[in-house]
Amino acid sequence: MKVINSGLGHNPEGYNRIDEFNSEITEKLGEHYKEILELIGEDSQREGLEKTPERVAKAMQFLTQGYGVDPAKILESAKFKEKYQQMVVVKDIELYSMCEHHMLPFIGKAHIAYIPNGYITGLSKIARVAEAFARRLQVQERLTVQIRDCIQDTLNPLGVAVVIEAQHLCMVMRGVQKQHSVTTTSAFTGEFLNKLETRQEFINLIGKPLH
C-alpha cells in the first residue's frame, strides 16, 4: 500500500512536500536503522537523529525502486516498426547504483547502442532501462549484461553494445581508498560482437564530445 504524506500546514518553510512510500516497509526498515544507530554507539533519540531511521528507510526504497519495474515493458511501451538499420547510440546516461557487497553507491555513465532489425524504441526508454536495472543492489558486471540482454531480447536487433564507466565508493571511501579509480565494463551482441569495425565505430562515437 502506498501512502502520500503531504506537509500541508506543518511546514514552516512554506512549501508542500509530497512523499510516496510503502508505509509498512518504511516502518519496518526504520526500526532496523534505529537499532543500527544504537549498535554503532549513537543516541537514536537525539534531535539530529530522531527522524533519521525514517529518512534512511525512505531513501533505501527510492534507491532500490528498480525491483518493482519490468525493464522489458519499458521498451515495449514505445516499440515501433521502422526500416532503419544503422547504429542508434545513447551515450552519457547518468547512472547511480548500489554495490551489493557493501551497499555503498557507485556512480558513472552508461553508453548504449543497438542496430535495429525492424523495430526501434523511444530514446528515453533506453535510459529508463538502464535506470531500472541500476536501482537495485548490483555489481557493475551484471548491470552491464542485464541492460544488454533486455534490449536484445525485447527488440531483437542486429546487435547491442553497452559500456559502463563508474566510480565505486567502496573503493574510494573504504578499503583501498583509491579516489580516482574508474571501472569500465562492456557487453556486446550480434554485429558489435562479430564485426570489429562496428564495435570500433561505437567506441569512437562514445569517446567523442557532442560538439
Protein backbone atom coordinates (compact mmCIF):
# COMPACT_ATOMS: atom_id res chain seq x y z
CA MET A 1 0.00 0.00 0.00
CA LYS A 2 1.39 3.38 -0.97
CA VAL A 3 0.76 6.38 1.22
CA ILE A 4 1.10 10.01 0.26
CA ASN A 5 2.18 12.26 3.10
CA SER A 6 1.75 15.95 2.49
CA GLY A 7 3.37 18.65 4.58
CA LEU A 8 0.31 20.90 4.33
CA GLY A 9 0.02 23.12 7.37
CA HIS A 10 3.09 21.64 9.03
CA ASN A 11 6.00 23.10 7.09
CA PRO A 12 7.46 26.36 8.41
CA GLU A 13 9.40 26.86 5.16
CA GLY A 14 6.12 27.43 3.34
CA TYR A 15 6.25 24.61 0.77
CA ASN A 16 4.39 21.34 0.46
CA ARG A 17 6.44 18.16 0.28
CA ILE A 18 4.82 15.05 -1.15
CA ASP A 19 6.43 11.68 -0.45
CA GLU A 20 5.17 8.35 -1.78
CA PHE A 21 6.37 5.24 0.01
CA ASN A 22 5.13 1.94 1.37
CA SER A 23 4.24 2.78 4.97
CA GLU A 24 4.66 -0.78 6.28
CA ILE A 25 8.11 -1.19 4.73
CA THR A 26 9.13 2.28 5.93
CA GLU A 27 8.18 1.41 9.50
CA LYS A 28 9.97 -1.95 9.49
CA LEU A 29 13.12 -0.59 7.87
CA GLY A 30 13.09 2.35 10.24
CA GLU A 31 13.12 0.03 13.25
CA HIS A 32 16.21 -1.72 11.91
CA TYR A 33 18.03 1.52 11.14
CA LYS A 34 17.26 2.79 14.63
CA GLU A 35 18.88 -0.34 16.04
CA ILE A 36 21.89 0.12 13.74
CA LEU A 37 22.40 3.66 15.03
CA GLU A 38 22.42 2.39 18.59
CA LEU A 39 24.77 -0.50 17.74
CA ILE A 40 27.39 1.88 16.32
CA GLY A 41 27.27 3.94 19.53
CA GLU A 42 24.87 6.74 18.63
CA ASP A 43 21.88 8.09 20.53
CA SER A 44 18.95 7.49 18.19
CA GLN A 45 16.79 9.82 20.30
CA ARG A 46 18.90 12.95 19.96
CA GLU A 47 17.47 15.76 17.85
CA GLY A 48 19.66 15.28 14.78
CA LEU A 49 18.95 11.55 14.55
CA GLU A 50 15.38 11.34 15.76
CA LYS A 51 13.92 11.11 12.25
CA THR A 52 16.99 9.60 10.57
CA PRO A 53 15.71 5.97 10.60
CA GLU A 54 12.58 7.02 8.71
CA ARG A 55 14.57 9.15 6.27
CA VAL A 56 17.01 6.32 5.52
CA ALA A 57 14.14 3.85 5.16
CA LYS A 58 12.57 6.09 2.51
CA ALA A 59 15.92 6.68 0.81
CA MET A 60 16.55 2.94 0.51
CA GLN A 61 13.14 2.41 -1.07
CA PHE A 62 13.94 5.10 -3.62
CA LEU A 63 17.43 3.76 -4.34
CA THR A 64 16.12 0.21 -4.88
CA GLN A 65 12.87 1.02 -6.70
CA GLY A 66 14.09 -0.93 -9.73
CA TYR A 67 12.88 -4.16 -8.14
CA GLY A 68 9.33 -3.05 -8.88
CA VAL A 69 9.98 -2.21 -12.55
CA ASP A 70 9.92 -4.51 -15.59
CA PRO A 71 12.54 -3.08 -17.99
CA ALA A 72 11.22 -5.11 -20.94
CA LYS A 73 7.82 -3.44 -20.59
CA ILE A 74 9.53 -0.06 -20.70
CA LEU A 75 10.89 -0.87 -24.17
CA GLU A 76 7.63 -2.44 -25.32
CA SER A 77 5.68 0.66 -24.32
CA ALA A 78 7.37 2.57 -27.17
CA LYS A 79 8.21 -0.11 -29.74
CA PHE A 80 7.70 0.97 -33.35
CA LYS A 81 8.17 -0.67 -36.73
CA GLU A 82 10.92 1.07 -38.66
CA LYS A 83 13.22 0.07 -41.56
CA TYR A 84 16.20 1.97 -40.14
CA GLN A 85 19.20 -0.38 -39.78
CA GLN A 86 22.02 1.93 -38.74
CA MET A 87 23.52 2.34 -35.30
CA VAL A 88 21.48 4.13 -32.63
CA VAL A 89 23.65 5.41 -29.78
CA VAL A 90 22.50 6.90 -26.48
CA LYS A 91 25.60 7.92 -24.56
CA ASP A 92 26.50 9.59 -21.27
CA ILE A 93 23.45 8.23 -19.43
CA GLU A 94 23.93 9.18 -15.78
CA LEU A 95 23.95 6.08 -13.63
CA TYR A 96 23.51 5.69 -9.87
CA SER A 97 23.50 2.26 -8.28
CA MET A 98 24.30 0.45 -5.04
CA CYS A 99 27.10 -2.08 -4.71
CA GLU A 100 25.63 -5.28 -3.26
CA HIS A 101 28.83 -6.12 -1.37
CA HIS A 102 28.99 -3.03 0.87
CA MET A 103 25.72 -1.26 -0.01
CA LEU A 104 27.65 1.85 -0.99
CA PRO A 105 26.92 3.79 -4.20
CA PHE A 106 28.71 3.51 -7.49
CA ILE A 107 28.20 6.40 -9.86
CA GLY A 108 29.00 6.81 -13.52
CA LYS A 109 27.75 6.79 -17.08
CA ALA A 110 26.32 4.20 -19.45
CA HIS A 111 26.78 4.25 -23.21
CA ILE A 112 24.27 2.09 -25.09
CA ALA A 113 23.83 1.33 -28.78
CA TYR A 114 21.75 -1.01 -30.89
CA ILE A 115 21.26 -1.70 -34.59
CA PRO A 116 17.52 -2.04 -35.32
CA ASN A 117 16.15 -5.05 -37.12
CA GLY A 118 12.61 -3.98 -37.94
CA TYR A 119 11.85 -2.23 -34.64
CA ILE A 120 13.06 0.84 -32.80
CA THR A 121 12.19 2.14 -29.35
CA GLY A 122 11.86 5.60 -27.83
CA LEU A 123 15.28 7.04 -26.99
CA SER A 124 14.28 7.86 -23.42
CA LYS A 125 13.31 4.21 -22.93
CA ILE A 126 16.94 3.16 -23.36
CA ALA A 127 17.91 5.41 -20.46
CA ARG A 128 14.96 4.16 -18.41
CA VAL A 129 16.04 0.55 -18.87
CA ALA A 130 19.49 1.42 -17.53
CA GLU A 131 17.84 3.20 -14.59
CA ALA A 132 15.54 0.27 -13.82
CA PHE A 133 18.42 -2.17 -13.51
CA ALA A 134 20.67 0.32 -11.72
CA ARG A 135 18.12 0.97 -8.97
CA ARG A 136 18.80 -2.41 -7.39
CA LEU A 137 21.64 -3.89 -5.38
CA GLN A 138 24.15 -4.55 -8.13
CA VAL A 139 27.60 -5.37 -9.35
CA GLN A 140 28.69 -3.40 -12.40
CA GLU A 141 29.41 -6.51 -14.43
CA ARG A 142 25.89 -7.89 -14.00
CA LEU A 143 24.30 -4.50 -14.61
CA THR A 144 26.09 -4.21 -17.95
CA VAL A 145 24.89 -7.63 -19.10
CA GLN A 146 21.31 -7.13 -17.87
CA ILE A 147 20.92 -3.94 -19.90
CA ARG A 148 22.38 -5.65 -22.98
CA ASP A 149 20.19 -8.75 -22.68
CA CYS A 150 16.99 -6.80 -22.06
CA ILE A 151 17.42 -4.76 -25.25
CA GLN A 152 18.47 -7.81 -27.26
CA ASP A 153 15.60 -9.99 -26.04
CA THR A 154 12.91 -7.31 -26.36
CA LEU A 155 13.80 -5.59 -29.66
CA ASN A 156 15.70 -8.45 -31.34
CA PRO A 157 18.12 -6.02 -33.00
CA LEU A 158 21.11 -6.90 -35.18
CA GLY A 159 23.34 -6.13 -32.23
CA VAL A 160 23.60 -4.37 -28.87
CA ALA A 161 26.56 -2.64 -27.24
CA VAL A 162 26.78 -1.47 -23.63
CA VAL A 163 29.72 0.22 -21.92
CA ILE A 164 29.57 1.45 -18.32
CA GLU A 165 32.18 3.63 -16.64
CA ALA A 166 31.75 4.10 -12.91
CA GLN A 167 33.44 5.13 -9.71
CA HIS A 168 32.78 2.87 -6.73
CA LEU A 169 32.59 4.46 -3.30
CA CYS A 170 33.53 1.13 -1.71
CA MET A 171 36.97 1.71 -3.29
CA VAL A 172 37.05 5.46 -2.67
CA MET A 173 35.77 5.72 0.92
CA ARG A 174 36.99 2.44 2.41
CA GLY A 175 39.33 -0.46 1.69
CA VAL A 176 41.98 0.51 -0.84
CA GLN A 177 40.83 4.19 -0.86
CA LYS A 178 41.82 4.97 -4.42
CA GLN A 179 39.90 8.17 -5.07
CA HIS A 180 40.41 8.43 -8.82
CA SER A 181 39.90 4.82 -9.91
CA VAL A 182 37.25 4.17 -12.57
CA THR A 183 35.89 0.77 -13.55
CA THR A 184 34.85 0.09 -17.16
CA THR A 185 32.73 -2.86 -18.24
CA SER A 186 31.36 -3.78 -21.66
CA ALA A 187 28.96 -6.28 -23.22
CA PHE A 188 28.14 -6.88 -26.88
CA THR A 189 25.89 -8.99 -29.07
CA GLY A 190 25.46 -9.55 -32.79
CA GLU A 191 27.32 -7.24 -35.14
CA PHE A 192 29.06 -5.45 -32.29
CA LEU A 193 30.49 -8.77 -31.17
CA ASN A 194 31.27 -10.24 -34.57
CA LYS A 195 32.43 -7.20 -36.56
CA LEU A 196 35.46 -5.34 -35.27
CA GLU A 197 34.75 -2.28 -37.44
CA THR A 198 31.22 -1.94 -36.00
CA ARG A 199 32.47 -2.23 -32.44
CA GLN A 200 35.24 0.27 -33.17
CA GLU A 201 32.74 2.76 -34.63
CA PHE A 202 30.74 2.55 -31.41
CA ILE A 203 33.84 3.07 -29.26
CA ASN A 204 34.83 6.08 -31.39
CA LEU A 205 31.35 7.61 -31.14
CA ILE A 206 31.12 7.38 -27.36
CA GLY A 207 34.61 8.79 -27.00
CA LYS A 208 33.94 11.96 -28.98
CA PRO A 209 32.34 15.10 -27.47
CA LEU A 210 28.94 16.12 -28.79
CA HIS A 211 30.25 19.42 -30.21
